[in-house]
Amino acid sequence: MDYRENFDVKKLTSFKIGGEISRVYFPENVEEFVQAIEKEPDAYVAGNLSNVLVSSDGYDGALILTKKMDNITFNGTKVTAGAGVRGTKLSKLALENHLSGLEFMVAFPGSVGGEVFMNAGAHGQMIADVLKIAKIYCPEKGVITLRNEEMEFSYRTSICQRKPYSVLEAEFELKEKSPDEIQTKMDENLSFRQNRQPSLTLPNCGSTFRNPDGNSAGRLLDEAGMKGFVSGGVHVWENHANFIINDGDGTSLDVLNTMYEMYRRVKEKFGIELKPEVRFLGGKNEKEVELCKILYQK
């Protein structure tokens, strides 16, 4: 198995922020994942680090990255994908196989594992609509299989966020459609993203906060005056206030300070406590730990 020590993770993250990780494992299949997690039961599990802010001061523990678990199999209207398969790649392969249901993934920077973990969605579609079964690692039972109804999906969440579960593989049930119909939907989704979300070439982690019930985090942050806000080497995107952009030399503390200001202003103006969609990996910086206690309520 590919294994690294004191690994500089910065270039792998969507934010292009992060320090050295003490131990990093890159399993290529379920068996290697199990070997790694049994050796490092407290390891932090991630896919492509597209939705994770890694501390600039690094992380003393172990990290398991599933990005090399990227097998894809088509069988009729079913497609099985490893946790490390990028959503964009999977949606395009589904198009090539005349299968509809994954069009919403076309511009997703993340991987299947993370997308199932958080029940990712966009444009009126979400993982819960198409997932049939998921192969999960459970510390108590090892590798288990959960059906859609057992995943406890709701808005941007699943059972995997409430239990120490890691997504290893997912099987999706899709529908046959003409390539033209699928392509049209994908083009609409891409156009929407280009107009309302920053380009993937700008270092960012996507939406910073989840939408509160019946509300929009972006609208609340806009009305709270967050557009264009600058903290150190990062700023809040001028076109949508729920995105933080790394201007090139931003640090994790810059991002957390910005997140705290976003959280504080919305709470002060509307009495609403926003919940982060971005995950954090760190613990060595006392100021970051203090901010995370407030932002993540733990």
Protein backbone atom coordinates (compact mmCIF):
# COMPACT_ATOMS: atom_id res chain seq x y z
CA MET A 1 0.00 0.00 0.00
CA ASP A 2 1.16 3.53 -0.76
CA TYR A 3 2.14 5.07 2.59
CA ARG A 4 3.84 8.38 3.40
CA GLU A 5 5.20 10.01 6.55
CA ASN A 6 5.31 13.76 7.22
CA PHE A 7 3.39 14.25 3.98
CA ASP A 8 2.82 17.83 2.76
CA VAL A 9 -0.85 17.71 1.83
CA LYS A 10 -1.28 21.30 0.60
CA LYS A 11 -1.35 20.55 -3.13
CA LEU A 12 -4.00 17.83 -2.74
CA THR A 13 -6.59 20.08 -1.08
CA SER A 14 -9.13 22.17 -2.97
CA PHE A 15 -8.24 25.17 -0.79
CA LYS A 16 -4.51 24.67 -1.55
CA ILE A 17 -4.00 25.07 2.20
CA GLY A 18 -2.52 22.58 4.66
CA GLY A 19 0.63 21.49 6.45
CA GLU A 20 2.31 18.15 7.03
CA ILE A 21 0.33 15.06 8.00
CA SER A 22 2.24 12.61 10.21
CA ARG A 23 1.02 9.45 8.44
CA VAL A 24 -0.97 9.14 5.21
CA TYR A 25 -2.32 5.92 3.66
CA PHE A 26 -3.53 5.59 0.05
CA PRO A 27 -5.45 2.27 -0.18
CA GLU A 28 -6.42 1.09 -3.66
CA ASN A 29 -9.22 -1.29 -2.64
CA VAL A 30 -11.46 -2.31 0.26
CA GLU A 31 -8.97 -4.87 1.57
CA GLU A 32 -6.17 -2.30 1.80
CA PHE A 33 -8.53 0.18 3.43
CA VAL A 34 -9.39 -2.37 6.12
CA GLN A 35 -5.68 -3.03 6.70
CA ALA A 36 -5.04 0.69 7.15
CA ILE A 37 -8.01 1.40 9.41
CA GLU A 38 -7.29 -1.62 11.61
CA LYS A 39 -3.74 -0.38 12.03
CA GLU A 40 -4.91 3.22 12.59
CA PRO A 41 -8.40 3.00 14.14
CA ASP A 42 -8.44 6.74 14.91
CA ALA A 43 -7.41 7.78 11.39
CA TYR A 44 -9.26 10.62 9.67
CA VAL A 45 -10.83 9.33 6.44
CA ALA A 46 -11.24 11.54 3.38
CA GLY A 47 -11.49 11.24 -0.39
CA ASN A 48 -10.00 14.04 -2.48
CA LEU A 49 -9.91 16.65 0.32
CA SER A 50 -12.28 18.80 -1.73
CA ASN A 51 -14.42 19.68 1.28
CA VAL A 52 -11.75 19.65 4.00
CA LEU A 53 -9.79 22.57 5.43
CA VAL A 54 -6.46 21.16 6.65
CA SER A 55 -4.60 23.20 9.26
CA SER A 56 -1.54 25.03 7.98
CA ASP A 57 0.16 23.71 11.12
CA GLY A 58 -0.50 20.15 9.96
CA TYR A 59 -2.00 17.18 11.76
CA ASP A 60 -0.22 14.80 14.14
CA GLY A 61 -2.48 11.82 13.47
CA ALA A 62 -3.11 9.48 10.55
CA LEU A 63 -5.04 10.26 7.38
CA ILE A 64 -6.52 7.65 5.04
CA LEU A 65 -7.23 8.99 1.55
CA THR A 66 -9.52 6.87 -0.62
CA LYS A 67 -8.69 8.70 -3.87
CA LYS A 68 -7.04 5.57 -5.36
CA MET A 69 -10.15 3.44 -4.71
CA ASP A 70 -11.45 4.41 -8.13
CA ASN A 71 -12.89 1.29 -9.77
CA ILE A 72 -16.08 1.74 -11.81
CA THR A 73 -18.36 -1.04 -13.09
CA PHE A 74 -21.49 -0.73 -15.24
CA ASN A 75 -24.11 -3.48 -15.26
CA GLY A 76 -27.26 -2.56 -17.11
CA THR A 77 -28.76 0.47 -15.36
CA LYS A 78 -26.59 -0.06 -12.27
CA VAL A 79 -23.17 1.49 -11.75
CA THR A 80 -20.82 0.66 -8.90
CA ALA A 81 -18.10 3.15 -8.00
CA GLY A 82 -15.30 3.18 -5.46
CA ALA A 83 -15.14 5.92 -2.84
CA GLY A 84 -12.35 7.73 -4.66
CA VAL A 85 -14.13 8.14 -8.01
CA ARG A 86 -14.64 11.79 -8.81
CA GLY A 87 -18.27 12.78 -9.29
CA THR A 88 -17.51 14.63 -12.51
CA LYS A 89 -15.89 11.56 -14.08
CA LEU A 90 -18.76 9.29 -13.01
CA SER A 91 -21.44 11.59 -14.43
CA LYS A 92 -19.65 11.73 -17.79
CA LEU A 93 -19.25 7.94 -17.94
CA ALA A 94 -22.97 7.58 -17.15
CA LEU A 95 -23.68 9.84 -20.13
CA GLU A 96 -21.53 7.61 -22.35
CA ASN A 97 -23.63 4.65 -21.19
CA HIS A 98 -26.90 6.54 -21.88
CA LEU A 99 -27.77 6.56 -18.16
CA SER A 100 -29.46 9.44 -16.35
CA GLY A 101 -29.45 10.34 -12.65
CA LEU A 102 -25.95 11.66 -12.07
CA GLU A 103 -26.17 14.87 -14.10
CA PHE A 104 -25.99 16.93 -10.91
CA MET A 105 -22.44 15.65 -10.30
CA VAL A 106 -21.04 17.10 -13.52
CA ALA A 107 -19.21 19.98 -11.83
CA PHE A 108 -18.64 18.41 -8.41
CA PRO A 109 -15.00 18.58 -7.25
CA GLY A 110 -15.47 15.81 -4.69
CA SER A 111 -15.49 12.03 -4.81
CA VAL A 112 -18.21 9.41 -4.40
CA GLY A 113 -17.31 8.60 -0.79
CA GLY A 114 -17.69 12.19 0.35
CA GLU A 115 -20.77 12.75 -1.77
CA VAL A 116 -22.55 9.76 -0.22
CA PHE A 117 -21.29 10.75 3.25
CA MET A 118 -22.95 14.18 2.99
CA ASN A 119 -25.81 13.28 0.63
CA ALA A 120 -24.50 15.81 -1.85
CA GLY A 121 -26.94 17.39 -4.23
CA ALA A 122 -27.63 20.20 -6.65
CA HIS A 123 -30.16 21.27 -9.27
CA GLY A 124 -33.01 19.33 -7.67
CA GLN A 125 -31.11 16.04 -7.55
CA MET A 126 -29.20 14.36 -4.73
CA ILE A 127 -27.38 11.15 -3.84
CA ALA A 128 -30.41 9.82 -1.95
CA ASP A 129 -32.41 9.80 -5.22
CA VAL A 130 -30.11 7.33 -6.97
CA LEU A 131 -28.14 5.37 -4.37
CA LYS A 132 -29.17 1.71 -4.14
CA ILE A 133 -26.64 0.35 -1.63
CA ALA A 134 -23.41 1.51 -0.03
CA LYS A 135 -20.49 -0.55 1.22
CA ILE A 136 -19.48 0.90 4.59
CA TYR A 137 -16.70 0.32 7.09
CA CYS A 138 -18.10 0.02 10.63
CA PRO A 139 -15.50 -0.17 13.45
CA GLU A 140 -17.59 -2.73 15.37
CA LYS A 141 -18.61 -5.00 12.47
CA GLY A 142 -16.05 -4.38 9.74
CA VAL A 143 -17.33 -4.02 6.17
CA ILE A 144 -21.13 -3.88 5.98
CA THR A 145 -23.67 -3.09 3.28
CA LEU A 146 -26.47 -0.57 3.86
CA ARG A 147 -29.52 -0.10 1.64
CA ASN A 148 -30.72 3.37 0.72
CA GLU A 149 -33.38 3.39 3.45
CA GLU A 150 -30.77 2.42 6.04
CA MET A 151 -28.56 5.38 5.16
CA GLU A 152 -30.89 7.82 6.99
CA PHE A 153 -30.47 10.47 4.31
CA SER A 154 -31.69 14.00 4.85
CA TYR A 155 -30.49 17.43 3.70
CA ARG A 156 -26.69 17.27 3.39
CA THR A 157 -26.39 14.43 5.86
CA SER A 158 -26.50 10.66 6.31
CA ILE A 159 -26.02 8.05 9.00
CA CYS A 160 -22.28 8.29 8.27
CA GLN A 161 -22.16 11.70 9.93
CA ARG A 162 -23.79 10.39 13.09
CA LYS A 163 -21.83 7.15 13.40
CA PRO A 164 -18.11 6.42 12.81
CA TYR A 165 -18.80 5.03 9.34
CA SER A 166 -16.61 5.35 6.24
CA VAL A 167 -18.01 4.96 2.72
CA LEU A 168 -15.99 2.50 0.64
CA GLU A 169 -18.17 1.90 -2.42
CA ALA A 170 -21.57 2.86 -3.76
CA GLU A 171 -24.01 1.29 -6.20
CA PHE A 172 -26.40 3.60 -8.05
CA GLU A 173 -29.62 2.72 -9.87
CA LEU A 174 -29.95 4.94 -12.93
CA LYS A 175 -32.42 5.29 -15.80
CA GLU A 176 -31.92 4.92 -19.52
CA LYS A 177 -32.28 8.16 -21.46
CA SER A 178 -31.08 9.56 -24.73
CA PRO A 179 -27.59 11.09 -24.61
CA ASP A 180 -29.02 14.35 -25.94
CA GLU A 181 -31.42 14.68 -22.99
CA ILE A 182 -28.67 13.88 -20.50
CA GLN A 183 -26.21 16.27 -22.15
CA THR A 184 -28.78 19.08 -22.15
CA LYS A 185 -29.32 18.67 -18.40
CA MET A 186 -25.57 18.58 -17.78
CA ASP A 187 -25.05 21.73 -19.85
CA GLU A 188 -27.77 23.49 -17.84
CA ASN A 189 -26.08 22.46 -14.60
CA LEU A 190 -22.67 23.64 -15.82
CA SER A 191 -24.11 26.97 -16.93
CA PHE A 192 -25.78 27.43 -13.55
CA ARG A 193 -22.55 26.72 -11.72
CA GLN A 194 -20.48 29.04 -13.91
CA ASN A 195 -22.88 31.89 -13.22
CA ARG A 196 -23.37 31.34 -9.49
CA GLN A 197 -20.30 29.55 -8.13
CA PRO A 198 -16.58 30.29 -8.40
CA SER A 199 -14.50 28.42 -10.95
CA LEU A 200 -12.76 25.29 -9.70
CA THR A 201 -9.53 27.01 -10.75
CA LEU A 202 -10.01 29.38 -7.82
CA PRO A 203 -8.91 27.57 -4.63
CA ASN A 204 -12.12 27.06 -2.63
CA CYS A 205 -14.05 24.33 -0.83
CA GLY A 206 -17.47 25.04 -2.31
CA SER A 207 -20.27 26.22 -0.04
CA THR A 208 -18.89 27.23 3.35
CA PHE A 209 -22.14 26.82 5.31
CA ARG A 210 -25.23 24.67 4.91
CA ASN A 211 -28.54 26.30 4.09
CA PRO A 212 -30.68 26.63 7.23
CA ASP A 213 -34.16 25.08 7.01
CA GLY A 214 -36.26 27.15 4.62
CA ASN A 215 -33.53 29.70 4.09
CA SER A 216 -30.38 30.43 2.08
CA ALA A 217 -26.98 30.79 3.70
CA GLY A 218 -25.80 32.84 0.73
CA ARG A 219 -28.67 35.31 1.04
CA LEU A 220 -28.19 35.67 4.80
CA LEU A 221 -24.46 36.25 4.39
CA ASP A 222 -25.06 38.73 1.58
CA GLU A 223 -27.49 40.74 3.71
CA ALA A 224 -24.99 40.57 6.57
CA GLY A 225 -22.49 42.37 4.32
CA MET A 226 -19.97 39.55 3.85
CA LYS A 227 -19.31 39.84 0.11
CA GLY A 228 -15.72 40.89 -0.49
CA PHE A 229 -14.71 40.52 3.17
CA VAL A 230 -10.93 40.00 3.47
CA SER A 231 -8.98 38.21 6.18
CA GLY A 232 -5.27 37.75 5.58
CA GLY A 233 -4.80 35.83 2.35
CA VAL A 234 -8.43 34.85 1.76
CA HIS A 235 -11.64 36.68 0.88
CA VAL A 236 -15.37 36.04 0.54
CA TRP A 237 -16.31 35.79 -3.13
CA GLU A 238 -17.80 38.99 -4.53
CA ASN A 239 -20.54 37.16 -6.48
CA HIS A 240 -21.86 34.87 -3.73
CA ALA A 241 -21.23 35.35 -0.02
CA ASN A 242 -21.14 31.64 0.88
CA PHE A 243 -17.77 30.98 -0.80
CA ILE A 244 -14.29 31.65 0.56
CA ILE A 245 -11.44 32.02 -1.95
CA ASN A 246 -7.76 31.49 -1.19
CA ASP A 247 -5.91 34.36 -2.89
CA GLY A 248 -2.68 32.36 -2.99
CA ASP A 249 -1.08 32.73 0.41
CA GLY A 250 -4.08 32.16 2.66
CA THR A 251 -3.76 30.05 5.81
CA SER A 252 -6.24 27.82 7.61
CA LEU A 253 -6.47 30.45 10.37
CA ASP A 254 -7.42 33.06 7.75
CA VAL A 255 -10.25 30.77 6.60
CA LEU A 256 -11.47 30.02 10.14
CA ASN A 257 -11.37 33.71 11.08
CA THR A 258 -13.48 34.43 8.00
CA MET A 259 -15.90 31.62 8.83
CA TYR A 260 -16.26 32.95 12.35
CA GLU A 261 -17.02 36.45 11.07
CA MET A 262 -19.64 35.00 8.69
CA TYR A 263 -21.16 33.00 11.55
CA ARG A 264 -21.07 35.96 13.96
CA ARG A 265 -22.69 38.47 11.61
CA VAL A 266 -25.56 36.18 10.62
CA LYS A 267 -26.21 35.21 14.25
CA GLU A 268 -26.16 38.86 15.33
CA LYS A 269 -28.41 40.08 12.49
CA PHE A 270 -30.85 37.18 12.13
CA GLY A 271 -30.47 35.05 15.27
CA ILE A 272 -29.50 32.08 13.07
CA GLU A 273 -26.44 29.93 13.79
CA LEU A 274 -25.00 28.71 10.51
CA LYS A 275 -23.55 25.19 10.39
CA PRO A 276 -20.32 24.62 8.40
CA GLU A 277 -20.37 22.42 5.34
CA VAL A 278 -16.56 22.52 5.22
CA ARG A 279 -14.85 19.96 7.48
CA PHE A 280 -11.70 20.79 9.45
CA LEU A 281 -8.61 18.71 10.18
CA GLY A 282 -6.09 20.04 12.66
CA GLY A 283 -5.73 20.55 16.38
CA LYS A 284 -2.21 21.92 16.95
CA ASN A 285 -3.11 25.62 16.78
CA GLU A 286 -4.88 26.86 19.94
CA LYS A 287 -6.65 29.75 18.17
CA GLU A 288 -8.01 27.36 15.53
CA VAL A 289 -9.22 24.98 18.25
CA GLU A 290 -11.08 27.86 19.96
CA LEU A 291 -12.74 28.93 16.72
CA CYS A 292 -13.74 25.36 15.87
CA LYS A 293 -15.43 24.93 19.25
CA ILE A 294 -17.72 27.81 18.30
CA LEU A 295 -18.22 26.98 14.62
CA TYR A 296 -18.68 23.23 15.01
CA GLN A 297 -20.36 23.36 18.43
CA LYS A 298 -17.91 20.87 19.94
